[in-house]
Amino acid sequence: MCREKRKLPIGIENFEQIIKDDFYYVDKTGLISELLRNWGMVNLFTRPRRFGKSLNMSMLEHFFSVEGDKSIFDGLKISKDKKLCEEYMGKHPVISISLKGINAASYEAAFELTVKTIKGAVQKAGFLKMSDKLGEDEKKEYRAILDENMSEATLFWSLKNLSELLEKHYETKVILLIDEYDVPIAKASSHQYYPQMLEILKVMMSTALKDNPGLCFAV
């Protein structure tokens, strides 16, 4: 009896869905070993469009995340590296954001979309409001990032604050994943607000990485 052919994952960028729903998958998990052995605090991937960058970011998120399902890596190349998996798999909180939606014709609209993007990542960590490892002042910082009228200064510090709160809650360093970072920059360039948008992203990212030896991956 012939085995039913696997489906092609057209338009699917979620690593877990591809594995669990038995889509065709070209095993690129060896990239994880390569990245961890050629250590870099900040890692930038530059590849052509439709080259699988977002799927690789999803793969990294599921590998590192404390909330990830380790079984989805069974039988893949990375699973053969037992020592590395024991040290890193499922051991870190992960902040994963996509800047693809920051596609605006004006700086004001881009700022609002950036705030919404960051708040989306912050809302996933709602458990911090009840964490017994955080003090009241730290919980207040968390709630400030969710404020509808987030100031520019709060936005600048948002990723750093969230990283520090997650690190304290989990007692381990945070992995930061940034997908489609070039979209808001390209859109700002074509609509003449490039300097303002570049400043927001530059300050927000540099602040998040300052004094933080965790890992950052951007595509």
Protein backbone atom coordinates (compact mmCIF):
# COMPACT_ATOMS: atom_id res chain seq x y z
CA MET A 1 0.00 0.00 0.00
CA CYS A 2 1.47 3.36 -1.05
CA ARG A 3 2.15 5.89 1.64
CA GLU A 4 0.22 9.10 1.14
CA LYS A 5 2.43 11.91 -0.06
CA ARG A 6 3.17 14.70 2.36
CA LYS A 7 1.70 18.13 1.72
CA LEU A 8 3.77 21.11 0.69
CA PRO A 9 3.80 23.82 3.41
CA ILE A 10 2.89 26.67 1.06
CA GLY A 11 2.71 29.92 3.00
CA ILE A 12 3.26 28.21 6.38
CA GLU A 13 6.01 29.69 8.53
CA ASN A 14 5.20 27.97 11.84
CA PHE A 15 7.78 25.25 12.50
CA GLU A 16 5.62 23.33 14.98
CA GLN A 17 2.67 23.21 12.57
CA ILE A 18 4.84 21.90 9.73
CA ILE A 19 6.21 19.09 11.88
CA LYS A 20 3.00 18.10 13.66
CA ASP A 21 0.84 18.23 10.51
CA ASP A 22 3.43 16.17 8.62
CA PHE A 23 4.25 18.66 5.87
CA TYR A 24 7.39 18.28 3.78
CA TYR A 25 10.31 19.77 5.71
CA VAL A 26 13.92 20.14 4.62
CA ASP A 27 15.84 19.61 7.86
CA LYS A 28 17.66 22.84 8.70
CA THR A 29 18.00 22.21 12.44
CA GLY A 30 21.76 21.90 11.97
CA LEU A 31 21.67 25.69 11.86
CA ILE A 32 21.05 25.65 15.62
CA SER A 33 24.32 23.81 16.29
CA GLU A 34 26.17 26.12 13.94
CA LEU A 35 24.85 29.25 15.64
CA LEU A 36 25.59 28.05 19.15
CA ARG A 37 29.07 26.80 18.35
CA ASN A 38 30.03 29.95 16.41
CA TRP A 39 28.84 32.11 19.26
CA GLY A 40 27.64 35.64 18.60
CA MET A 41 25.52 37.69 21.00
CA VAL A 42 23.77 39.29 18.02
CA ASN A 43 23.16 37.30 14.84
CA LEU A 44 21.82 38.83 11.61
CA PHE A 45 20.52 36.65 8.77
CA THR A 46 20.40 38.24 5.32
CA ARG A 47 18.88 36.09 2.58
CA PRO A 48 16.58 36.69 -0.42
CA ARG A 49 12.80 36.78 0.03
CA ARG A 50 11.03 33.41 0.33
CA PHE A 51 14.29 31.81 1.47
CA GLY A 52 12.82 30.41 4.71
CA LYS A 53 14.09 33.05 7.14
CA SER A 54 10.83 33.33 9.09
CA LEU A 55 10.52 29.55 9.30
CA ASN A 56 14.04 29.35 10.72
CA MET A 57 13.14 31.98 13.30
CA SER A 58 10.12 29.90 14.28
CA MET A 59 12.40 26.86 14.55
CA LEU A 60 14.72 28.75 16.90
CA GLU A 61 11.79 29.93 19.01
CA HIS A 62 10.47 26.40 19.50
CA PHE A 63 13.94 25.04 20.25
CA PHE A 64 14.90 27.54 22.93
CA SER A 65 11.51 28.30 24.50
CA VAL A 66 10.73 27.03 28.00
CA GLU A 67 7.19 26.55 26.70
CA GLY A 68 8.24 24.60 23.59
CA ASP A 69 7.35 21.01 22.76
CA LYS A 70 10.67 19.17 22.63
CA SER A 71 9.16 16.17 20.86
CA ILE A 72 8.83 18.07 17.57
CA PHE A 73 12.62 17.81 17.17
CA ASP A 74 12.64 14.01 17.47
CA GLY A 75 14.36 12.44 14.48
CA LEU A 76 15.74 15.75 13.21
CA LYS A 77 19.48 16.43 12.91
CA ILE A 78 19.69 18.55 16.07
CA SER A 79 18.34 15.70 18.20
CA LYS A 80 21.56 13.76 17.59
CA ASP A 81 23.53 16.44 19.44
CA LYS A 82 22.50 15.26 22.90
CA LYS A 83 24.85 17.52 24.86
CA LEU A 84 23.75 20.69 23.09
CA CYS A 85 20.06 19.79 23.43
CA GLU A 86 20.45 19.13 27.15
CA GLU A 87 22.11 22.51 27.61
CA TYR A 88 19.86 24.71 25.47
CA MET A 89 16.61 23.05 24.39
CA GLY A 90 13.64 24.42 26.32
CA LYS A 91 15.88 26.36 28.70
CA HIS A 92 15.14 30.02 27.87
CA PRO A 93 12.26 32.48 27.77
CA VAL A 94 11.87 33.79 24.22
CA ILE A 95 10.65 37.17 22.98
CA SER A 96 9.66 36.79 19.34
CA ILE A 97 8.42 39.79 17.35
CA SER A 98 7.74 40.37 13.68
CA LEU A 99 7.99 43.91 12.34
CA LYS A 100 6.24 42.95 9.10
CA GLY A 101 3.05 44.78 10.12
CA ILE A 102 4.80 48.14 10.60
CA ASN A 103 3.93 49.14 7.06
CA ALA A 104 2.74 52.74 7.25
CA ALA A 105 2.73 55.86 5.08
CA SER A 106 3.41 58.24 7.97
CA TYR A 107 5.62 58.33 11.06
CA GLU A 108 2.61 58.72 13.36
CA ALA A 109 0.97 55.57 11.99
CA ALA A 110 4.29 53.68 12.10
CA PHE A 111 4.75 54.65 15.75
CA GLU A 112 1.28 53.34 16.62
CA LEU A 113 1.94 50.08 14.78
CA THR A 114 5.27 49.68 16.56
CA VAL A 115 3.53 50.14 19.91
CA LYS A 116 0.91 47.52 18.95
CA THR A 117 3.65 45.10 17.88
CA ILE A 118 5.52 45.43 21.15
CA LYS A 119 2.35 45.19 23.21
CA GLY A 120 1.50 41.96 21.40
CA ALA A 121 4.75 40.41 22.63
CA VAL A 122 4.24 41.82 26.13
CA GLN A 123 0.71 40.42 26.41
CA LYS A 124 2.03 36.89 25.87
CA ALA A 125 3.84 37.25 29.19
CA GLY A 126 0.70 38.11 31.16
CA PHE A 127 1.74 35.68 33.89
CA LEU A 128 4.31 38.27 35.02
CA LYS A 129 1.48 40.25 36.65
CA MET A 130 1.11 37.39 39.15
CA SER A 131 4.74 36.31 39.44
CA ASP A 132 5.90 35.83 43.03
CA LYS A 133 9.45 36.53 41.85
CA LEU A 134 8.67 40.13 40.92
CA GLY A 135 8.13 43.05 43.27
CA GLU A 136 5.26 45.50 42.96
CA ASP A 137 7.46 48.12 41.27
CA GLU A 138 8.50 45.56 38.64
CA LYS A 139 4.89 44.57 38.03
CA LYS A 140 4.11 48.26 37.62
CA GLU A 141 6.83 48.45 34.94
CA TYR A 142 5.17 45.54 33.15
CA ARG A 143 1.77 47.22 33.20
CA ALA A 144 3.31 50.45 31.86
CA ILE A 145 4.35 48.66 28.67
CA LEU A 146 0.71 47.73 28.14
CA ASP A 147 -0.56 51.30 28.49
CA GLU A 148 -2.61 52.41 25.47
CA ASN A 149 -0.83 55.78 25.51
CA MET A 150 2.70 54.41 25.59
CA SER A 151 5.23 57.23 25.42
CA GLU A 152 8.25 57.24 23.14
CA ALA A 153 10.53 56.78 26.15
CA THR A 154 8.55 53.74 27.34
CA LEU A 155 8.73 52.26 23.84
CA PHE A 156 12.50 52.75 23.78
CA TRP A 157 12.88 50.73 26.99
CA SER A 158 10.06 48.24 26.38
CA LEU A 159 12.09 45.28 25.13
CA LYS A 160 14.79 45.76 27.76
CA ASN A 161 12.22 45.97 30.55
CA LEU A 162 10.39 42.89 29.30
CA SER A 163 13.68 40.99 28.96
CA GLU A 164 14.72 41.85 32.51
CA LEU A 165 11.34 40.85 33.95
CA LEU A 166 11.36 37.51 32.12
CA GLU A 167 14.95 36.89 33.17
CA LYS A 168 14.08 37.48 36.81
CA HIS A 169 10.97 35.30 36.63
CA TYR A 170 12.71 32.36 34.93
CA GLU A 171 16.17 33.01 36.41
CA THR A 172 17.86 32.60 33.03
CA LYS A 173 18.76 34.77 30.05
CA VAL A 174 16.26 35.70 27.35
CA ILE A 175 16.43 34.91 23.64
CA LEU A 176 15.27 37.81 21.42
CA LEU A 177 14.02 37.04 17.90
CA ILE A 178 13.26 39.88 15.46
CA ASP A 179 11.67 39.02 12.13
CA GLU A 180 11.24 41.32 9.10
CA TYR A 181 13.23 44.14 10.71
CA ASP A 182 13.77 45.74 7.29
CA VAL A 183 10.06 46.30 6.52
CA PRO A 184 9.52 49.43 8.64
CA ILE A 185 12.87 50.86 7.53
CA ALA A 186 12.09 50.37 3.82
CA LYS A 187 8.60 51.83 4.22
CA ALA A 188 9.99 54.82 6.16
CA SER A 189 12.55 55.44 3.44
CA SER A 190 9.89 55.52 0.72
CA HIS A 191 7.66 57.90 2.71
CA GLN A 192 10.32 60.32 3.99
CA TYR A 193 10.33 59.52 7.71
CA TYR A 194 13.42 57.32 7.63
CA PRO A 195 15.44 59.19 10.33
CA GLN A 196 12.62 58.98 12.90
CA MET A 197 11.92 55.29 12.27
CA LEU A 198 15.59 54.37 12.28
CA GLU A 199 16.04 56.15 15.61
CA ILE A 200 13.17 54.23 17.21
CA LEU A 201 14.46 50.84 16.10
CA LYS A 202 18.09 51.65 16.83
CA VAL A 203 17.45 52.89 20.36
CA MET A 204 14.92 50.16 21.18
CA MET A 205 17.22 47.35 20.03
CA SER A 206 20.46 48.74 21.43
CA THR A 207 18.79 49.37 24.78
CA ALA A 208 17.41 45.82 24.86
CA LEU A 209 20.86 44.35 24.22
CA LYS A 210 22.83 46.59 26.57
CA ASP A 211 24.41 44.60 29.42
CA ASN A 212 22.45 41.54 28.34
CA PRO A 213 24.62 38.56 27.27
CA GLY A 214 21.56 36.67 26.02
CA LEU A 215 21.17 35.91 22.32
CA CYS A 216 19.52 38.04 19.64
CA PHE A 217 18.62 36.79 16.17
CA ALA A 218 17.30 39.13 13.46
CA VAL A 219 16.28 38.60 9.84
